[in-house]
Each structure stands twice: as structure tokens, then as C-alpha cells.
Amino acid sequence: MARTRQDYDDIPGTFVFDAERSREGYGINMFCMSLMKDENRKAFKANEAEYLKKFKLTPEQTEAILKRDYNRMLELGGNIYFTAKLGATDGHSFQHLAAVMTGSTQPDYAAMMLAGGRSVEGNRSKSGKDKVVKPKSKPVSKSKPKPKSKSSAKRK
């Protein structure tokens, strides 16, 4: 079943974890949470494809996990904080995962964040509906300005 289109789906590079994505990604997230236990991490690392059969995953979700395609996992309902457990199982920091997900190196990602993060310019809308439309200028009035009332002149 196709996702219901939401206004926030227009934000570039973002998959909002809403109720629909939560339901869709339940299997991914339960798999990732299972990695909190050492015996599960060992079983997963011993035979990843076999271990994943324990969870209700779509073929697309299984593929995303096996390829470590974190953006695709989020698109398919994974929660960033749960999928980070997979990265930790592979020995990666959260900063490393964020760099991979943004197409950066870890040093470049860290420098960008220390400099204030990614610019909002060009990153507000996929459709371009965020473009500010300049209002038409008001016509210049040719009438004389109204004289100030006596009461307003006294207040000064």
C-alpha cells in the first residue's frame, strides 16, 4: 500500500518518522532493537541474511539492511535512533552514520556541523513551493500627506 502523501514529504533529505512510517518500519526497528543484546549481535554478524528471517521484513527492507543503506532504511520506516544500533554493531559512531547519510566524509560532516549546519537555502522544499514570492510594489500615492492633528503635535 502506498504512503499517504503529507506536506512534510516535500522536505529534501528528510523522512519524517510519523505513525504510518512507524507501522511500516516495525520489523526494521525490532531487528535493530534486538542488537542491544550481545548474543543477538553475534548471531547477526555470523549470518546476517539468516538472522533477518526472524523479523517481518519486506524484501526492500532486508536489502537496505544488508547493504547498510541507512537513508533507505529511514524511508522504509526505520527510526534513526534504532538504526544507529546497526551502525554501532558495525563499530561506527553516530557521526560516521550521519556523514554517510549526507554523502560527506566524517571530517567534512563534522566541519559543516561546527560551522552551523547545512544551509537552509535550497533545502526547504523539493517542489520549490518554499520560494518567496516578492509582493508587487504598491503604487506611489500622488495625494498630499494628511496634516497632523493638533493633538498629535502636542504629544511630541
N, C-alpha and C. Protein backbone atom coordinates (compact mmCIF):
# COMPACT_ATOMS: atom_id res chain seq x y z
N MET A 1 0.84 -1.18 0.00
CA MET A 1 0.00 0.00 0.00
C MET A 1 0.89 1.25 0.00
N ALA A 2 0.53 2.20 -0.81
CA ALA A 2 1.33 3.42 -0.93
C ALA A 2 1.10 4.33 0.28
N ARG A 3 2.14 5.05 0.63
CA ARG A 3 2.05 6.01 1.74
C ARG A 3 1.10 7.14 1.37
N THR A 4 0.43 7.66 2.38
CA THR A 4 -0.38 8.85 2.21
C THR A 4 0.56 10.05 2.13
N ARG A 5 0.43 10.83 1.09
CA ARG A 5 1.30 11.99 0.88
C ARG A 5 1.02 13.04 1.96
N GLN A 6 2.10 13.54 2.59
CA GLN A 6 1.99 14.56 3.62
C GLN A 6 2.75 15.81 3.16
N ASP A 7 2.39 16.97 3.68
CA ASP A 7 3.09 18.21 3.34
C ASP A 7 4.58 18.11 3.65
N TYR A 8 4.92 17.47 4.75
CA TYR A 8 6.32 17.39 5.15
C TYR A 8 7.14 16.42 4.29
N ASP A 9 6.51 15.68 3.40
CA ASP A 9 7.26 14.83 2.48
C ASP A 9 8.02 15.67 1.46
N ASP A 10 7.75 16.96 1.41
CA ASP A 10 8.41 17.87 0.49
C ASP A 10 9.76 18.37 1.01
N ILE A 11 10.12 18.03 2.24
CA ILE A 11 11.39 18.47 2.80
C ILE A 11 12.51 17.59 2.23
N PRO A 12 13.50 18.17 1.55
CA PRO A 12 14.55 17.35 0.94
C PRO A 12 15.40 16.62 1.97
N GLY A 13 15.72 15.38 1.69
CA GLY A 13 16.63 14.60 2.53
C GLY A 13 16.07 14.21 3.87
N THR A 14 14.76 14.31 4.04
CA THR A 14 14.15 14.03 5.34
C THR A 14 13.02 13.03 5.18
N PHE A 15 13.02 12.03 6.03
CA PHE A 15 11.91 11.09 6.11
C PHE A 15 11.34 11.22 7.52
N VAL A 16 10.24 11.93 7.63
CA VAL A 16 9.64 12.16 8.94
C VAL A 16 9.10 10.84 9.47
N PHE A 17 9.48 10.52 10.70
CA PHE A 17 9.05 9.28 11.34
C PHE A 17 7.68 9.52 11.96
N ASP A 18 6.66 9.31 11.15
CA ASP A 18 5.28 9.51 11.61
C ASP A 18 4.65 8.16 11.92
N ALA A 19 3.38 8.16 12.26
CA ALA A 19 2.70 6.92 12.63
C ALA A 19 2.70 5.91 11.49
N GLU A 20 2.51 6.39 10.28
CA GLU A 20 2.49 5.48 9.12
C GLU A 20 3.86 4.83 8.92
N ARG A 21 4.92 5.63 9.01
CA ARG A 21 6.27 5.07 8.86
C ARG A 21 6.59 4.14 10.02
N SER A 22 6.12 4.46 11.19
CA SER A 22 6.34 3.60 12.35
C SER A 22 5.75 2.20 12.12
N ARG A 23 4.53 2.17 11.60
CA ARG A 23 3.90 0.86 11.31
C ARG A 23 4.66 0.13 10.22
N GLU A 24 5.03 0.87 9.18
CA GLU A 24 5.75 0.27 8.05
C GLU A 24 7.11 -0.29 8.49
N GLY A 25 7.77 0.40 9.40
CA GLY A 25 9.13 0.03 9.79
C GLY A 25 9.24 -0.81 11.04
N TYR A 26 8.13 -1.32 11.51
CA TYR A 26 8.15 -2.09 12.76
C TYR A 26 9.21 -3.19 12.73
N GLY A 27 9.27 -3.95 11.66
CA GLY A 27 10.25 -5.05 11.55
C GLY A 27 11.68 -4.56 11.60
N ILE A 28 11.98 -3.49 10.87
CA ILE A 28 13.33 -2.92 10.89
C ILE A 28 13.69 -2.51 12.32
N ASN A 29 12.78 -1.82 12.95
CA ASN A 29 13.07 -1.28 14.28
C ASN A 29 13.20 -2.38 15.33
N MET A 30 12.40 -3.43 15.22
CA MET A 30 12.53 -4.55 16.17
C MET A 30 13.84 -5.30 15.93
N PHE A 31 14.23 -5.44 14.67
CA PHE A 31 15.54 -6.03 14.37
C PHE A 31 16.65 -5.21 15.02
N CYS A 32 16.61 -3.90 14.79
CA CYS A 32 17.66 -3.03 15.34
C CYS A 32 17.69 -3.08 16.87
N MET A 33 16.52 -3.09 17.49
CA MET A 33 16.47 -3.16 18.95
C MET A 33 17.02 -4.49 19.46
N SER A 34 16.89 -5.56 18.66
CA SER A 34 17.42 -6.85 19.08
C SER A 34 18.94 -6.81 19.23
N LEU A 35 19.57 -5.86 18.53
CA LEU A 35 21.03 -5.76 18.56
C LEU A 35 21.55 -5.18 19.87
N MET A 36 20.65 -4.86 20.79
CA MET A 36 21.08 -4.39 22.10
C MET A 36 21.67 -5.53 22.93
N LYS A 37 21.33 -6.77 22.56
CA LYS A 37 21.84 -7.94 23.29
C LYS A 37 23.04 -8.51 22.56
N ASP A 38 24.09 -8.77 23.31
CA ASP A 38 25.33 -9.27 22.74
C ASP A 38 25.13 -10.55 21.94
N GLU A 39 24.33 -11.48 22.46
CA GLU A 39 24.15 -12.75 21.75
C GLU A 39 23.46 -12.53 20.40
N ASN A 40 22.59 -11.54 20.32
CA ASN A 40 21.93 -11.24 19.05
C ASN A 40 22.89 -10.58 18.05
N ARG A 41 23.75 -9.71 18.55
CA ARG A 41 24.75 -9.10 17.67
C ARG A 41 25.66 -10.18 17.08
N LYS A 42 26.07 -11.12 17.93
CA LYS A 42 26.94 -12.21 17.45
C LYS A 42 26.23 -13.08 16.42
N ALA A 43 24.96 -13.40 16.68
CA ALA A 43 24.19 -14.22 15.73
C ALA A 43 24.01 -13.48 14.41
N PHE A 44 23.73 -12.19 14.47
CA PHE A 44 23.56 -11.40 13.26
C PHE A 44 24.85 -11.35 12.46
N LYS A 45 25.96 -11.08 13.12
CA LYS A 45 27.24 -10.97 12.42
C LYS A 45 27.68 -12.33 11.84
N ALA A 46 27.26 -13.41 12.47
CA ALA A 46 27.63 -14.75 11.98
C ALA A 46 26.92 -15.08 10.67
N ASN A 47 25.64 -14.65 10.52
CA ASN A 47 24.89 -14.94 9.30
C ASN A 47 23.77 -13.91 9.20
N GLU A 48 24.08 -12.79 8.60
CA GLU A 48 23.15 -11.67 8.59
C GLU A 48 21.82 -12.00 7.92
N ALA A 49 21.87 -12.58 6.72
CA ALA A 49 20.63 -12.87 5.99
C ALA A 49 19.75 -13.84 6.76
N GLU A 50 20.35 -14.83 7.38
CA GLU A 50 19.58 -15.81 8.15
C GLU A 50 18.95 -15.17 9.39
N TYR A 51 19.72 -14.35 10.07
CA TYR A 51 19.22 -13.69 11.28
C TYR A 51 18.01 -12.81 10.95
N LEU A 52 18.05 -12.13 9.82
CA LEU A 52 16.97 -11.22 9.45
C LEU A 52 15.64 -11.94 9.21
N LYS A 53 15.70 -13.24 8.94
CA LYS A 53 14.47 -14.01 8.70
C LYS A 53 13.59 -14.09 9.95
N LYS A 54 14.14 -13.76 11.10
CA LYS A 54 13.36 -13.78 12.34
C LYS A 54 12.36 -12.63 12.42
N PHE A 55 12.50 -11.65 11.53
CA PHE A 55 11.70 -10.43 11.61
C PHE A 55 10.83 -10.29 10.37
N LYS A 56 9.68 -9.66 10.55
CA LYS A 56 8.78 -9.41 9.43
C LYS A 56 9.30 -8.22 8.64
N LEU A 57 10.12 -8.53 7.65
CA LEU A 57 10.72 -7.50 6.81
C LEU A 57 10.30 -7.70 5.36
N THR A 58 10.12 -6.62 4.65
CA THR A 58 9.88 -6.72 3.21
C THR A 58 11.23 -7.01 2.53
N PRO A 59 11.20 -7.51 1.30
CA PRO A 59 12.48 -7.70 0.59
C PRO A 59 13.28 -6.39 0.50
N GLU A 60 12.60 -5.27 0.32
CA GLU A 60 13.28 -3.97 0.23
C GLU A 60 13.96 -3.61 1.55
N GLN A 61 13.29 -3.89 2.66
CA GLN A 61 13.88 -3.61 3.97
C GLN A 61 15.09 -4.50 4.22
N THR A 62 14.96 -5.78 3.88
CA THR A 62 16.09 -6.71 4.05
C THR A 62 17.29 -6.25 3.23
N GLU A 63 17.04 -5.86 1.99
CA GLU A 63 18.11 -5.39 1.13
C GLU A 63 18.78 -4.13 1.70
N ALA A 64 17.98 -3.20 2.18
CA ALA A 64 18.53 -1.96 2.75
C ALA A 64 19.41 -2.26 3.95
N ILE A 65 18.99 -3.19 4.79
CA ILE A 65 19.78 -3.55 5.97
C ILE A 65 21.09 -4.20 5.54
N LEU A 66 21.00 -5.17 4.65
CA LEU A 66 22.21 -5.89 4.22
C LEU A 66 23.20 -4.97 3.51
N LYS A 67 22.70 -3.98 2.80
CA LYS A 67 23.56 -3.02 2.09
C LYS A 67 23.98 -1.86 2.97
N ARG A 68 23.41 -1.79 4.20
CA ARG A 68 23.67 -0.68 5.12
C ARG A 68 23.30 0.64 4.47
N ASP A 69 22.17 0.63 3.77
CA ASP A 69 21.64 1.84 3.14
C ASP A 69 20.72 2.52 4.15
N TYR A 70 21.32 3.34 4.99
CA TYR A 70 20.61 3.95 6.11
C TYR A 70 19.49 4.88 5.65
N ASN A 71 19.71 5.64 4.60
CA ASN A 71 18.64 6.51 4.11
C ASN A 71 17.44 5.69 3.64
N ARG A 72 17.71 4.60 2.97
CA ARG A 72 16.61 3.74 2.51
C ARG A 72 15.89 3.11 3.70
N MET A 73 16.64 2.72 4.73
CA MET A 73 16.00 2.17 5.93
C MET A 73 15.04 3.19 6.53
N LEU A 74 15.45 4.46 6.58
CA LEU A 74 14.57 5.50 7.13
C LEU A 74 13.35 5.69 6.24
N GLU A 75 13.56 5.66 4.95
CA GLU A 75 12.45 5.80 4.00
C GLU A 75 11.44 4.66 4.18
N LEU A 76 11.94 3.48 4.51
CA LEU A 76 11.09 2.29 4.67
C LEU A 76 10.58 2.11 6.09
N GLY A 77 10.74 3.14 6.92
CA GLY A 77 10.14 3.11 8.25
C GLY A 77 11.09 2.95 9.41
N GLY A 78 12.38 2.86 9.14
CA GLY A 78 13.34 2.76 10.23
C GLY A 78 13.42 4.07 11.00
N ASN A 79 13.63 3.97 12.28
CA ASN A 79 13.82 5.14 13.13
C ASN A 79 15.32 5.36 13.28
N ILE A 80 15.75 6.59 13.12
CA ILE A 80 17.18 6.91 13.14
C ILE A 80 17.87 6.40 14.39
N TYR A 81 17.21 6.48 15.54
CA TYR A 81 17.84 6.06 16.78
C TYR A 81 17.92 4.54 16.88
N PHE A 82 16.99 3.84 16.26
CA PHE A 82 17.06 2.38 16.25
C PHE A 82 18.10 1.91 15.23
N THR A 83 18.10 2.52 14.03
CA THR A 83 19.05 2.08 13.00
C THR A 83 20.49 2.38 13.42
N ALA A 84 20.68 3.34 14.31
CA ALA A 84 22.03 3.63 14.81
C ALA A 84 22.60 2.43 15.55
N LYS A 85 21.74 1.57 16.08
CA LYS A 85 22.22 0.36 16.77
C LYS A 85 22.88 -0.59 15.78
N LEU A 86 22.41 -0.60 14.54
CA LEU A 86 23.07 -1.39 13.50
C LEU A 86 24.45 -0.81 13.21
N GLY A 87 24.53 0.50 13.11
CA GLY A 87 25.83 1.14 12.89
C GLY A 87 26.79 0.85 14.02
N ALA A 88 26.29 0.89 15.25
CA ALA A 88 27.14 0.59 16.41
C ALA A 88 27.61 -0.87 16.38
N THR A 89 26.73 -1.75 15.92
CA THR A 89 27.11 -3.17 15.80
C THR A 89 28.27 -3.33 14.81
N ASP A 90 28.29 -2.46 13.80
CA ASP A 90 29.38 -2.47 12.82
C ASP A 90 30.59 -1.67 13.28
N GLY A 91 30.50 -1.08 14.48
CA GLY A 91 31.64 -0.33 15.03
C GLY A 91 31.69 1.13 14.60
N HIS A 92 30.56 1.68 14.15
CA HIS A 92 30.55 3.06 13.67
C HIS A 92 29.88 4.00 14.67
N SER A 93 30.39 5.21 14.71
CA SER A 93 29.79 6.24 15.57
C SER A 93 28.57 6.83 14.86
N PHE A 94 27.76 7.53 15.63
CA PHE A 94 26.60 8.21 15.04
C PHE A 94 27.06 9.27 14.05
N GLN A 95 28.16 9.94 14.37
CA GLN A 95 28.69 10.96 13.46
C GLN A 95 29.08 10.33 12.12
N HIS A 96 29.66 9.14 12.17
CA HIS A 96 30.01 8.44 10.92
C HIS A 96 28.75 8.16 10.11
N LEU A 97 27.70 7.67 10.78
CA LEU A 97 26.45 7.35 10.07
C LEU A 97 25.85 8.61 9.45
N ALA A 98 25.84 9.71 10.18
CA ALA A 98 25.30 10.96 9.66
C ALA A 98 26.09 11.42 8.44
N ALA A 99 27.40 11.28 8.48
CA ALA A 99 28.24 11.65 7.34
C ALA A 99 27.89 10.79 6.13
N VAL A 100 27.77 9.50 6.32
CA VAL A 100 27.41 8.58 5.22
C VAL A 100 26.05 8.97 4.64
N MET A 101 25.11 9.27 5.52
CA MET A 101 23.75 9.58 5.08
C MET A 101 23.66 10.91 4.33
N THR A 102 24.59 11.81 4.56
CA THR A 102 24.59 13.09 3.86
C THR A 102 25.56 13.11 2.69
N GLY A 103 26.22 11.99 2.44
CA GLY A 103 27.16 11.92 1.33
C GLY A 103 28.45 12.65 1.60
N SER A 104 28.81 12.79 2.86
CA SER A 104 30.03 13.50 3.25
C SER A 104 31.04 12.54 3.85
N THR A 105 32.24 13.04 3.99
CA THR A 105 33.22 12.32 4.81
C THR A 105 32.94 12.72 6.25
N GLN A 106 33.43 11.96 7.18
CA GLN A 106 33.21 12.30 8.58
C GLN A 106 33.84 13.64 8.94
N PRO A 107 35.09 13.94 8.51
CA PRO A 107 35.65 15.27 8.82
C PRO A 107 34.85 16.41 8.19
N ASP A 108 34.38 16.22 6.94
CA ASP A 108 33.59 17.27 6.29
C ASP A 108 32.25 17.47 7.00
N TYR A 109 31.63 16.38 7.42
CA TYR A 109 30.36 16.47 8.13
C TYR A 109 30.57 17.21 9.46
N ALA A 110 31.62 16.84 10.20
CA ALA A 110 31.89 17.49 11.49
C ALA A 110 32.14 18.98 11.29
N ALA A 111 32.91 19.34 10.25
CA ALA A 111 33.20 20.76 9.98
C ALA A 111 31.92 21.51 9.64
N MET A 112 31.05 20.89 8.84
CA MET A 112 29.78 21.53 8.49
C MET A 112 28.95 21.80 9.74
N MET A 113 28.86 20.83 10.62
CA MET A 113 28.06 20.99 11.83
C MET A 113 28.67 22.04 12.76
N LEU A 114 29.98 22.05 12.87
CA LEU A 114 30.64 23.05 13.71
C LEU A 114 30.47 24.46 13.15
N ALA A 115 30.27 24.55 11.83
CA ALA A 115 30.07 25.85 11.19
C ALA A 115 28.60 26.27 11.20
N GLY A 116 27.76 25.51 11.86
CA GLY A 116 26.35 25.90 11.97
C GLY A 116 25.38 25.01 11.22
N GLY A 117 25.87 23.96 10.58
CA GLY A 117 24.98 23.03 9.89
C GLY A 117 24.77 23.39 8.44
N ARG A 118 23.93 22.62 7.80
CA ARG A 118 23.64 22.80 6.38
C ARG A 118 22.78 24.04 6.18
N SER A 119 23.09 24.79 5.13
CA SER A 119 22.31 25.98 4.82
C SER A 119 20.87 25.58 4.49
N VAL A 120 19.93 26.39 4.89
CA VAL A 120 18.54 26.13 4.55
C VAL A 120 18.24 26.46 3.10
N GLU A 121 19.08 27.30 2.50
CA GLU A 121 18.86 27.67 1.11
C GLU A 121 18.94 26.43 0.23
N GLY A 122 17.87 26.19 -0.52
CA GLY A 122 17.81 25.02 -1.40
C GLY A 122 17.45 23.74 -0.67
N ASN A 123 17.26 23.80 0.63
CA ASN A 123 16.97 22.60 1.41
C ASN A 123 15.63 22.67 2.12
N ARG A 124 14.74 23.54 1.66
CA ARG A 124 13.44 23.68 2.32
C ARG A 124 12.34 22.90 1.63
N SER A 125 12.46 22.71 0.32
CA SER A 125 11.37 22.11 -0.43
C SER A 125 11.89 21.44 -1.69
N LYS A 126 11.42 20.22 -1.95
CA LYS A 126 11.77 19.53 -3.20
C LYS A 126 11.03 20.16 -4.37
N SER A 127 9.81 20.62 -4.13
CA SER A 127 8.95 21.13 -5.20
C SER A 127 9.22 22.58 -5.55
N GLY A 128 9.91 23.29 -4.67
CA GLY A 128 10.16 24.71 -4.89
C GLY A 128 9.06 25.60 -4.36
N LYS A 129 8.09 25.01 -3.67
CA LYS A 129 6.99 25.83 -3.16
C LYS A 129 7.41 26.74 -2.01
N ASP A 130 8.65 26.57 -1.56
CA ASP A 130 9.15 27.43 -0.48
C ASP A 130 9.72 28.74 -1.01
N LYS A 131 9.77 28.90 -2.31
CA LYS A 131 10.34 30.12 -2.89
C LYS A 131 9.51 31.32 -2.47
N VAL A 132 10.18 32.33 -2.01
CA VAL A 132 9.50 33.53 -1.56
C VAL A 132 9.10 34.34 -2.78
N VAL A 133 7.84 34.65 -2.87
CA VAL A 133 7.34 35.46 -3.97
C VAL A 133 7.31 36.90 -3.49
N LYS A 134 8.03 37.75 -4.20
CA LYS A 134 8.07 39.15 -3.80
C LYS A 134 6.74 39.80 -4.15
N PRO A 135 6.16 40.49 -3.18
CA PRO A 135 4.88 41.17 -3.47
C PRO A 135 5.11 42.31 -4.45
N LYS A 136 4.08 42.55 -5.24
CA LYS A 136 4.16 43.68 -6.17
C LYS A 136 4.25 44.96 -5.35
N SER A 137 5.06 45.89 -5.83
CA SER A 137 5.20 47.13 -5.08
C SER A 137 3.89 47.92 -5.16
N LYS A 138 3.61 48.62 -4.09
CA LYS A 138 2.40 49.43 -4.03
C LYS A 138 2.58 50.66 -4.90
N PRO A 139 1.53 51.07 -5.58
CA PRO A 139 1.66 52.30 -6.38
C PRO A 139 1.90 53.50 -5.47
N VAL A 140 2.70 54.40 -5.94
CA VAL A 140 3.02 55.59 -5.16
C VAL A 140 1.83 56.54 -5.22
N SER A 141 1.38 56.97 -4.05
CA SER A 141 0.24 57.88 -3.97
C SER A 141 0.68 59.28 -4.36
N LYS A 142 -0.10 59.92 -5.19
CA LYS A 142 0.23 61.29 -5.62
C LYS A 142 -0.50 62.33 -4.78
N SER A 143 -1.28 61.87 -3.82
CA SER A 143 -2.02 62.83 -2.98
C SER A 143 -1.07 63.41 -1.93
N LYS A 144 -1.44 64.56 -1.44
CA LYS A 144 -0.64 65.24 -0.43
C LYS A 144 -0.78 64.50 0.89
N PRO A 145 0.27 64.46 1.71
CA PRO A 145 0.15 63.81 3.01
C PRO A 145 -0.83 64.57 3.89
N LYS A 146 -1.55 63.85 4.73
CA LYS A 146 -2.53 64.46 5.62
C LYS A 146 -1.80 65.26 6.68
N PRO A 147 -2.33 66.44 7.00
CA PRO A 147 -1.69 67.23 8.07
C PRO A 147 -1.91 66.55 9.41
N LYS A 148 -0.94 66.70 10.29
CA LYS A 148 -1.05 66.10 11.63
C LYS A 148 -2.09 66.83 12.42
N SER A 149 -2.80 66.13 13.23
CA SER A 149 -3.82 66.77 14.08
C SER A 149 -3.14 67.55 15.17
N LYS A 150 -3.84 68.46 15.76
CA LYS A 150 -3.29 69.27 16.85
C LYS A 150 -2.92 68.41 18.05
N SER A 151 -3.73 67.37 18.32
CA SER A 151 -3.44 66.53 19.48
C SER A 151 -2.15 65.73 19.30
N SER A 152 -1.86 65.26 18.08
CA SER A 152 -0.63 64.51 17.88
C SER A 152 0.59 65.42 17.91
N ALA A 153 0.41 66.67 17.51
CA ALA A 153 1.52 67.64 17.55
C ALA A 153 1.86 67.97 18.99
N LYS A 154 0.86 68.02 19.88
CA LYS A 154 1.10 68.37 21.29
C LYS A 154 1.86 67.25 22.01
N ARG A 155 1.69 65.97 21.58
CA ARG A 155 2.32 64.85 22.26
C ARG A 155 3.83 64.83 22.08
N LYS A 156 4.33 65.47 21.08
CA LYS A 156 5.77 65.43 20.81
C LYS A 156 6.54 66.25 21.71
